[in-house]
Amino acid sequence: MESIDKYCQSCAMPMNKPEDYGTNSDDSKNDDYCAYCYKNGEFTSEMTMEQMIEYSAPYMAEANEGMSEEQAKEQMHKFFPELKRWKK
């Protein structure tokens, strides 16, 4: 099984390859956010944590064999408040 060192601090996507990482305004790699959430130093969309969970749940369920979208949402509701973007 592949080791995952970094997760996007917005959507929790594993970031294993250089192309998974978002970019800062100077086009350097951003270590916190993935390419889907962060480009050119800005978030690619404005959404609430709840909206991000709704959007991401199908992808998480698809990536984890045997996981339903409801199970994915349950896990995300526990994990997402700890991510940098959503931490209060």
PDB file of N, CA and C in Angstrom:
ATOM      1  N   MET A   1       0.837  -1.180   0.000  1.00  0.00           N
ATOM      2  CA  MET A   1       0.000   0.000   0.000  1.00  0.00           C
ATOM      3  C   MET A   1       0.889   1.253   0.000  1.00  0.00           C
ATOM      4  N   GLU A   2       0.472   2.239  -0.760  1.00  0.00           N
ATOM      5  CA  GLU A   2       1.236   3.464  -0.934  1.00  0.00           C
ATOM      6  C   GLU A   2       1.129   4.354   0.302  1.00  0.00           C
ATOM      7  N   SER A   3       2.233   4.910   0.712  1.00  0.00           N
ATOM      8  CA  SER A   3       2.257   5.813   1.857  1.00  0.00           C
ATOM      9  C   SER A   3       1.859   7.218   1.412  1.00  0.00           C
ATOM     10  N   ILE A   4       0.999   7.857   2.198  1.00  0.00           N
ATOM     11  CA  ILE A   4       0.560   9.211   1.885  1.00  0.00           C
ATOM     12  C   ILE A   4       1.091  10.140   2.962  1.00  0.00           C
ATOM     13  N   ASP A   5       1.907  11.089   2.541  1.00  0.00           N
ATOM     14  CA  ASP A   5       2.510  12.018   3.482  1.00  0.00           C
ATOM     15  C   ASP A   5       1.702  13.297   3.638  1.00  0.00           C
ATOM     16  N   LYS A   6       1.072  13.745   2.568  1.00  0.00           N
ATOM     17  CA  LYS A   6       0.383  15.028   2.579  1.00  0.00           C
ATOM     18  C   LYS A   6      -1.051  14.875   2.085  1.00  0.00           C
ATOM     19  N   TYR A   7      -1.923  15.640   2.713  1.00  0.00           N
ATOM     20  CA  TYR A   7      -3.313  15.750   2.279  1.00  0.00           C
ATOM     21  C   TYR A   7      -3.606  17.220   2.032  1.00  0.00           C
ATOM     22  N   CYS A   8      -4.433  17.489   1.046  1.00  0.00           N
ATOM     23  CA  CYS A   8      -4.873  18.861   0.814  1.00  0.00           C
ATOM     24  C   CYS A   8      -5.581  19.359   2.069  1.00  0.00           C
ATOM     25  N   GLN A   9      -5.234  20.550   2.496  1.00  0.00           N
ATOM     26  CA  GLN A   9      -5.809  21.136   3.699  1.00  0.00           C
ATOM     27  C   GLN A   9      -7.137  21.841   3.431  1.00  0.00           C
ATOM     28  N   SER A  10      -7.727  21.533   2.264  1.00  0.00           N
ATOM     29  CA  SER A  10      -9.051  22.034   1.920  1.00  0.00           C
ATOM     30  C   SER A  10     -10.019  20.884   1.649  1.00  0.00           C
ATOM     31  N   CYS A  11      -9.594  19.921   0.800  1.00  0.00           N
ATOM     32  CA  CYS A  11     -10.493  18.832   0.400  1.00  0.00           C
ATOM     33  C   CYS A  11     -10.038  17.455   0.896  1.00  0.00           C
ATOM     34  N   ALA A  12      -8.850  17.382   1.488  1.00  0.00           N
ATOM     35  CA  ALA A  12      -8.270  16.138   2.037  1.00  0.00           C
ATOM     36  C   ALA A  12      -7.810  15.143   0.986  1.00  0.00           C
ATOM     37  N   MET A  13      -7.681  15.583  -0.258  1.00  0.00           N
ATOM     38  CA  MET A  13      -7.162  14.699  -1.300  1.00  0.00           C
ATOM     39  C   MET A  13      -5.702  14.375  -0.998  1.00  0.00           C
ATOM     40  N   PRO A  14      -5.296  13.102  -1.133  1.00  0.00           N
ATOM     41  CA  PRO A  14      -3.879  12.766  -0.968  1.00  0.00           C
ATOM     42  C   PRO A  14      -3.050  13.474  -2.043  1.00  0.00           C
ATOM     43  N   MET A  15      -1.922  14.003  -1.663  1.00  0.00           N
ATOM     44  CA  MET A  15      -1.032  14.674  -2.613  1.00  0.00           C
ATOM     45  C   MET A  15       0.270  13.891  -2.659  1.00  0.00           C
ATOM     46  N   ASN A  16       0.363  13.008  -3.653  1.00  0.00           N
ATOM     47  CA  ASN A  16       1.500  12.097  -3.782  1.00  0.00           C
ATOM     48  C   ASN A  16       2.478  12.487  -4.882  1.00  0.00           C
ATOM     49  N   LYS A  17       2.003  13.228  -5.886  1.00  0.00           N
ATOM     50  CA  LYS A  17       2.831  13.566  -7.048  1.00  0.00           C
ATOM     51  C   LYS A  17       2.963  15.087  -7.143  1.00  0.00           C
ATOM     52  N   PRO A  18       4.032  15.571  -7.753  1.00  0.00           N
ATOM     53  CA  PRO A  18       4.213  17.028  -7.879  1.00  0.00           C
ATOM     54  C   PRO A  18       3.010  17.732  -8.511  1.00  0.00           C
ATOM     55  N   GLU A  19       2.376  17.098  -9.481  1.00  0.00           N
ATOM     56  CA  GLU A  19       1.243  17.735 -10.156  1.00  0.00           C
ATOM     57  C   GLU A  19      -0.016  17.794  -9.290  1.00  0.00           C
ATOM     58  N   ASP A  20      -0.020  17.118  -8.152  1.00  0.00           N
ATOM     59  CA  ASP A  20      -1.157  17.173  -7.231  1.00  0.00           C
ATOM     60  C   ASP A  20      -1.202  18.494  -6.458  1.00  0.00           C
ATOM     61  N   TYR A  21      -0.070  19.180  -6.366  1.00  0.00           N
ATOM     62  CA  TYR A  21       0.033  20.377  -5.538  1.00  0.00           C
ATOM     63  C   TYR A  21      -0.473  21.621  -6.260  1.00  0.00           C
ATOM     64  N   GLY A  22      -1.128  22.493  -5.490  1.00  0.00           N
ATOM     65  CA  GLY A  22      -1.556  23.783  -6.009  1.00  0.00           C
ATOM     66  C   GLY A  22      -0.372  24.709  -6.183  1.00  0.00           C
ATOM     67  N   THR A  23      -0.634  25.910  -6.695  1.00  0.00           N
ATOM     68  CA  THR A  23       0.435  26.871  -6.952  1.00  0.00           C
ATOM     69  C   THR A  23       0.178  28.194  -6.237  1.00  0.00           C
ATOM     70  N   ASN A  24       1.271  28.820  -5.825  1.00  0.00           N
ATOM     71  CA  ASN A  24       1.227  30.154  -5.237  1.00  0.00           C
ATOM     72  C   ASN A  24       1.188  31.199  -6.345  1.00  0.00           C
ATOM     73  N   SER A  25       1.026  32.459  -5.967  1.00  0.00           N
ATOM     74  CA  SER A  25       0.930  33.528  -6.969  1.00  0.00           C
ATOM     75  C   SER A  25       2.200  33.660  -7.801  1.00  0.00           C
ATOM     76  N   ASP A  26       3.352  33.231  -7.267  1.00  0.00           N
ATOM     77  CA  ASP A  26       4.602  33.279  -8.032  1.00  0.00           C
ATOM     78  C   ASP A  26       4.859  31.977  -8.796  1.00  0.00           C
ATOM     79  N   ASP A  27       3.845  31.117  -8.886  1.00  0.00           N
ATOM     80  CA  ASP A  27       3.870  29.836  -9.600  1.00  0.00           C
ATOM     81  C   ASP A  27       4.688  28.761  -8.878  1.00  0.00           C
ATOM     82  N   SER A  28       5.126  29.036  -7.649  1.00  0.00           N
ATOM     83  CA  SER A  28       5.802  28.004  -6.865  1.00  0.00           C
ATOM     84  C   SER A  28       4.759  27.033  -6.310  1.00  0.00           C
ATOM     85  N   LYS A  29       5.233  25.865  -5.899  1.00  0.00           N
ATOM     86  CA  LYS A  29       4.352  24.830  -5.358  1.00  0.00           C
ATOM     87  C   LYS A  29       3.804  25.259  -4.000  1.00  0.00           C
ATOM     88  N   ASN A  30       2.525  25.024  -3.777  1.00  0.00           N
ATOM     89  CA  ASN A  30       1.932  25.274  -2.467  1.00  0.00           C
ATOM     90  C   ASN A  30       1.858  23.944  -1.730  1.00  0.00           C
ATOM     91  N   ASP A  31       2.454  23.877  -0.544  1.00  0.00           N
ATOM     92  CA  ASP A  31       2.530  22.619   0.198  1.00  0.00           C
ATOM     93  C   ASP A  31       1.241  22.242   0.930  1.00  0.00           C
ATOM     94  N   ASP A  32       0.301  23.169   1.041  1.00  0.00           N
ATOM     95  CA  ASP A  32      -0.909  22.908   1.822  1.00  0.00           C
ATOM     96  C   ASP A  32      -2.117  22.477   1.005  1.00  0.00           C
ATOM     97  N   TYR A  33      -2.209  22.955  -0.223  1.00  0.00           N
ATOM     98  CA  TYR A  33      -3.446  22.751  -0.986  1.00  0.00           C
ATOM     99  C   TYR A  33      -3.190  22.091  -2.345  1.00  0.00           C
ATOM    100  N   CYS A  34      -4.162  21.314  -2.788  1.00  0.00           N
ATOM    101  CA  CYS A  34      -4.035  20.588  -4.065  1.00  0.00           C
ATOM    102  C   CYS A  34      -4.315  21.497  -5.261  1.00  0.00           C
ATOM    103  N   ALA A  35      -3.983  20.989  -6.428  1.00  0.00           N
ATOM    104  CA  ALA A  35      -4.162  21.732  -7.675  1.00  0.00           C
ATOM    105  C   ALA A  35      -5.631  21.999  -7.983  1.00  0.00           C
ATOM    106  N   TYR A  36      -6.529  21.188  -7.453  1.00  0.00           N
ATOM    107  CA  TYR A  36      -7.958  21.399  -7.695  1.00  0.00           C
ATOM    108  C   TYR A  36      -8.517  22.520  -6.818  1.00  0.00           C
ATOM    109  N   CYS A  37      -7.947  22.716  -5.646  1.00  0.00           N
ATOM    110  CA  CYS A  37      -8.453  23.709  -4.697  1.00  0.00           C
ATOM    111  C   CYS A  37      -7.731  25.052  -4.765  1.00  0.00           C
ATOM    112  N   TYR A  38      -6.475  25.057  -5.235  1.00  0.00           N
ATOM    113  CA  TYR A  38      -5.655  26.262  -5.099  1.00  0.00           C
ATOM    114  C   TYR A  38      -4.781  26.470  -6.326  1.00  0.00           C
ATOM    115  N   LYS A  39      -4.969  27.612  -6.995  1.00  0.00           N
ATOM    116  CA  LYS A  39      -4.162  27.956  -8.176  1.00  0.00           C
ATOM    117  C   LYS A  39      -3.813  29.431  -8.121  1.00  0.00           C
ATOM    118  N   ASN A  40      -2.584  29.734  -8.479  1.00  0.00           N
ATOM    119  CA  ASN A  40      -2.122  31.124  -8.554  1.00  0.00           C
ATOM    120  C   ASN A  40      -2.344  31.891  -7.250  1.00  0.00           C
ATOM    121  N   GLY A  41      -2.180  31.203  -6.118  1.00  0.00           N
ATOM    122  CA  GLY A  41      -2.279  31.870  -4.829  1.00  0.00           C
ATOM    123  C   GLY A  41      -3.688  32.117  -4.326  1.00  0.00           C
ATOM    124  N   GLU A  42      -4.684  31.491  -4.975  1.00  0.00           N
ATOM    125  CA  GLU A  42      -6.077  31.689  -4.565  1.00  0.00           C
ATOM    126  C   GLU A  42      -6.840  30.369  -4.607  1.00  0.00           C
ATOM    127  N   PHE A  43      -7.856  30.267  -3.753  1.00  0.00           N
ATOM    128  CA  PHE A  43      -8.736  29.105  -3.839  1.00  0.00           C
ATOM    129  C   PHE A  43      -9.504  29.170  -5.148  1.00  0.00           C
ATOM    130  N   THR A  44      -9.713  28.018  -5.751  1.00  0.00           N
ATOM    131  CA  THR A  44     -10.382  27.975  -7.056  1.00  0.00           C
ATOM    132  C   THR A  44     -11.885  28.179  -6.935  1.00  0.00           C
ATOM    133  N   SER A  45     -12.435  27.977  -5.739  1.00  0.00           N
ATOM    134  CA  SER A  45     -13.861  28.237  -5.526  1.00  0.00           C
ATOM    135  C   SER A  45     -14.101  28.613  -4.071  1.00  0.00           C
ATOM    136  N   GLU A  46     -15.072  29.454  -3.879  1.00  0.00           N
ATOM    137  CA  GLU A  46     -15.474  29.829  -2.528  1.00  0.00           C
ATOM    138  C   GLU A  46     -16.622  28.922  -2.122  1.00  0.00           C
ATOM    139  N   MET A  47     -16.409  28.166  -1.077  1.00  0.00           N
ATOM    140  CA  MET A  47     -17.469  27.303  -0.575  1.00  0.00           C
ATOM    141  C   MET A  47     -17.281  27.094   0.913  1.00  0.00           C
ATOM    142  N   THR A  48     -18.333  26.667   1.551  1.00  0.00           N
ATOM    143  CA  THR A  48     -18.256  26.361   2.965  1.00  0.00           C
ATOM    144  C   THR A  48     -17.688  24.961   3.141  1.00  0.00           C
ATOM    145  N   MET A  49     -17.328  24.622   4.365  1.00  0.00           N
ATOM    146  CA  MET A  49     -16.855  23.270   4.641  1.00  0.00           C
ATOM    147  C   MET A  49     -17.937  22.255   4.282  1.00  0.00           C
ATOM    148  N   GLU A  50     -19.169  22.557   4.601  1.00  0.00           N
ATOM    149  CA  GLU A  50     -20.276  21.640   4.294  1.00  0.00           C
ATOM    150  C   GLU A  50     -20.402  21.427   2.787  1.00  0.00           C
ATOM    151  N   GLN A  51     -20.270  22.486   2.013  1.00  0.00           N
ATOM    152  CA  GLN A  51     -20.336  22.361   0.549  1.00  0.00           C
ATOM    153  C   GLN A  51     -19.166  21.533   0.024  1.00  0.00           C
ATOM    154  N   MET A  52     -17.987  21.703   0.621  1.00  0.00           N
ATOM    155  CA  MET A  52     -16.821  20.922   0.201  1.00  0.00           C
ATOM    156  C   MET A  52     -17.046  19.441   0.493  1.00  0.00           C
ATOM    157  N   ILE A  53     -17.630  19.132   1.632  1.00  0.00           N
ATOM    158  CA  ILE A  53     -17.925  17.736   1.977  1.00  0.00           C
ATOM    159  C   ILE A  53     -18.911  17.142   0.973  1.00  0.00           C
ATOM    160  N   GLU A  54     -19.962  17.866   0.671  1.00  0.00           N
ATOM    161  CA  GLU A  54     -20.960  17.389  -0.303  1.00  0.00           C
ATOM    162  C   GLU A  54     -20.301  17.143  -1.667  1.00  0.00           C
ATOM    163  N   TYR A  55     -19.424  18.064  -2.071  1.00  0.00           N
ATOM    164  CA  TYR A  55     -18.755  17.957  -3.359  1.00  0.00           C
ATOM    165  C   TYR A  55     -17.763  16.793  -3.386  1.00  0.00           C
ATOM    166  N   SER A  56     -17.033  16.602  -2.292  1.00  0.00           N
ATOM    167  CA  SER A  56     -15.941  15.626  -2.253  1.00  0.00           C
ATOM    168  C   SER A  56     -16.368  14.202  -1.926  1.00  0.00           C
ATOM    169  N   ALA A  57     -17.495  14.028  -1.267  1.00  0.00           N
ATOM    170  CA  ALA A  57     -17.926  12.695  -0.815  1.00  0.00           C
ATOM    171  C   ALA A  57     -17.980  11.653  -1.936  1.00  0.00           C
ATOM    172  N   PRO A  58     -18.539  11.967  -3.109  1.00  0.00           N
ATOM    173  CA  PRO A  58     -18.556  10.947  -4.169  1.00  0.00           C
ATOM    174  C   PRO A  58     -17.157  10.492  -4.581  1.00  0.00           C
ATOM    175  N   TYR A  59     -16.194  11.422  -4.602  1.00  0.00           N
ATOM    176  CA  TYR A  59     -14.820  11.074  -4.973  1.00  0.00           C
ATOM    177  C   TYR A  59     -14.180  10.176  -3.915  1.00  0.00           C
ATOM    178  N   MET A  60     -14.427  10.487  -2.648  1.00  0.00           N
ATOM    179  CA  MET A  60     -13.857   9.673  -1.572  1.00  0.00           C
ATOM    180  C   MET A  60     -14.466   8.271  -1.587  1.00  0.00           C
ATOM    181  N   ALA A  61     -15.771   8.183  -1.798  1.00  0.00           N
ATOM    182  CA  ALA A  61     -16.429   6.875  -1.842  1.00  0.00           C
ATOM    183  C   ALA A  61     -15.893   6.050  -3.015  1.00  0.00           C
ATOM    184  N   GLU A  62     -15.707   6.696  -4.150  1.00  0.00           N
ATOM    185  CA  GLU A  62     -15.190   6.002  -5.340  1.00  0.00           C
ATOM    186  C   GLU A  62     -13.764   5.502  -5.120  1.00  0.00           C
ATOM    187  N   ALA A  63     -12.955   6.271  -4.407  1.00  0.00           N
ATOM    188  CA  ALA A  63     -11.553   5.923  -4.184  1.00  0.00           C
ATOM    189  C   ALA A  63     -11.376   4.835  -3.121  1.00  0.00           C
ATOM    190  N   ASN A  64     -12.417   4.587  -2.327  1.00  0.00           N
ATOM    191  CA  ASN A  64     -12.340   3.605  -1.243  1.00  0.00           C
ATOM    192  C   ASN A  64     -13.393   2.528  -1.451  1.00  0.00           C
ATOM    193  N   GLU A  65     -12.954   1.415  -1.983  1.00  0.00           N
ATOM    194  CA  GLU A  65     -13.857   0.307  -2.306  1.00  0.00           C
ATOM    195  C   GLU A  65     -14.721  -0.080  -1.109  1.00  0.00           C
ATOM    196  N   GLY A  66     -16.014  -0.188  -1.348  1.00  0.00           N
ATOM    197  CA  GLY A  66     -16.938  -0.606  -0.303  1.00  0.00           C
ATOM    198  C   GLY A  66     -17.454   0.530   0.561  1.00  0.00           C
ATOM    199  N   MET A  67     -16.993   1.760   0.315  1.00  0.00           N
ATOM    200  CA  MET A  67     -17.445   2.905   1.108  1.00  0.00           C
ATOM    201  C   MET A  67     -18.613   3.591   0.404  1.00  0.00           C
ATOM    202  N   SER A  68     -19.661   3.864   1.149  1.00  0.00           N
ATOM    203  CA  SER A  68     -20.795   4.606   0.589  1.00  0.00           C
ATOM    204  C   SER A  68     -20.526   6.106   0.712  1.00  0.00           C
ATOM    205  N   GLU A  69     -21.304   6.908  -0.007  1.00  0.00           N
ATOM    206  CA  GLU A  69     -21.163   8.354   0.106  1.00  0.00           C
ATOM    207  C   GLU A  69     -21.506   8.808   1.523  1.00  0.00           C
ATOM    208  N   GLU A  70     -22.476   8.176   2.140  1.00  0.00           N
ATOM    209  CA  GLU A  70     -22.849   8.534   3.514  1.00  0.00           C
ATOM    210  C   GLU A  70     -21.695   8.257   4.477  1.00  0.00           C
ATOM    211  N   GLN A  71     -21.018   7.129   4.307  1.00  0.00           N
ATOM    212  CA  GLN A  71     -19.863   6.816   5.153  1.00  0.00           C
ATOM    213  C   GLN A  71     -18.748   7.838   4.914  1.00  0.00           C
ATOM    214  N   ALA A  72     -18.551   8.211   3.654  1.00  0.00           N
ATOM    215  CA  ALA A  72     -17.531   9.209   3.330  1.00  0.00           C
ATOM    216  C   ALA A  72     -17.857  10.527   4.027  1.00  0.00           C
ATOM    217  N   LYS A  73     -19.115  10.946   3.981  1.00  0.00           N
ATOM    218  CA  LYS A  73     -19.523  12.197   4.623  1.00  0.00           C
ATOM    219  C   LYS A  73     -19.306  12.136   6.125  1.00  0.00           C
ATOM    220  N   GLU A  74     -19.618  11.001   6.737  1.00  0.00           N
ATOM    221  CA  GLU A  74     -19.407  10.851   8.182  1.00  0.00           C
ATOM    222  C   GLU A  74     -17.939  11.052   8.537  1.00  0.00           C
ATOM    223  N   GLN A  75     -17.060  10.404   7.767  1.00  0.00           N
ATOM    224  CA  GLN A  75     -15.624  10.531   8.029  1.00  0.00           C
ATOM    225  C   GLN A  75     -15.159  11.973   7.808  1.00  0.00           C
ATOM    226  N   MET A  76     -15.658  12.590   6.751  1.00  0.00           N
ATOM    227  CA  MET A  76     -15.255  13.958   6.435  1.00  0.00           C
ATOM    228  C   MET A  76     -15.697  14.938   7.519  1.00  0.00           C
ATOM    229  N   HIS A  77     -16.876  14.736   8.074  1.00  0.00           N
ATOM    230  CA  HIS A  77     -17.348  15.624   9.140  1.00  0.00           C
ATOM    231  C   HIS A  77     -16.440  15.548  10.378  1.00  0.00           C
ATOM    232  N   LYS A  78     -15.775  14.429  10.572  1.00  0.00           N
ATOM    233  CA  LYS A  78     -14.840  14.282  11.690  1.00  0.00           C
ATOM    234  C   LYS A  78     -13.476  14.878  11.347  1.00  0.00           C
ATOM    235  N   PHE A  79     -13.041  14.703  10.102  1.00  0.00           N
ATOM    236  CA  PHE A  79     -11.685  15.046   9.682  1.00  0.00           C
ATOM    237  C   PHE A  79     -11.543  16.497   9.209  1.00  0.00           C
ATOM    238  N   PHE A  80     -12.522  16.996   8.472  1.00  0.00           N
ATOM    239  CA  PHE A  80     -12.400  18.313   7.851  1.00  0.00           C
ATOM    240  C   PHE A  80     -12.198  19.457   8.845  1.00  0.00           C
ATOM    241  N   PRO A  81     -12.828  19.469  10.027  1.00  0.00           N
ATOM    242  CA  PRO A  81     -12.598  20.578  10.961  1.00  0.00           C
ATOM    243  C   PRO A  81     -11.140  20.708  11.403  1.00  0.00           C
ATOM    244  N   GLU A  82     -10.339  19.670  11.187  1.00  0.00           N
ATOM    245  CA  GLU A  82      -8.913  19.708  11.537  1.00  0.00           C
ATOM    246  C   GLU A  82      -8.041  20.238  10.398  1.00  0.00           C
ATOM    247  N   LEU A  83      -8.607  20.359   9.197  1.00  0.00           N
ATOM    248  CA  LEU A  83      -7.835  20.853   8.055  1.00  0.00           C
ATOM    249  C   LEU A  83      -7.631  22.359   8.166  1.00  0.00           C
ATOM    250  N   LYS A  84      -6.488  22.831   7.691  1.00  0.00           N
ATOM    251  CA  LYS A  84      -6.093  24.234   7.827  1.00  0.00           C
ATOM    252  C   LYS A  84      -7.175  25.209   7.322  1.00  0.00           C
ATOM    253  N   ARG A  85      -7.789  24.915   6.185  1.00  0.00           N
ATOM    254  CA  ARG A  85      -8.776  25.840   5.625  1.00  0.00           C
ATOM    255  C   ARG A  85     -10.014  25.975   6.504  1.00  0.00           C
ATOM    256  N   TRP A  86     -10.373  24.920   7.214  1.00  0.00           N
ATOM    257  CA  TRP A  86     -11.634  24.906   7.960  1.00  0.00           C
ATOM    258  C   TRP A  86     -11.454  25.047   9.461  1.00  0.00           C
ATOM    259  N   LYS A  87     -10.231  24.969   9.924  1.00  0.00           N
ATOM    260  CA  LYS A  87      -9.961  25.053  11.369  1.00  0.00           C
ATOM    261  C   LYS A  87     -10.346  26.444  11.867  1.00  0.00           C
ATOM    262  N   LYS A  88     -11.038  26.466  12.975  1.00  0.00           N
ATOM    263  CA  LYS A  88     -11.474  27.752  13.521  1.00  0.00           C
ATOM    264  C   LYS A  88     -10.512  28.260  14.562  1.00  0.00           C
TER     265      LYS A  88
END
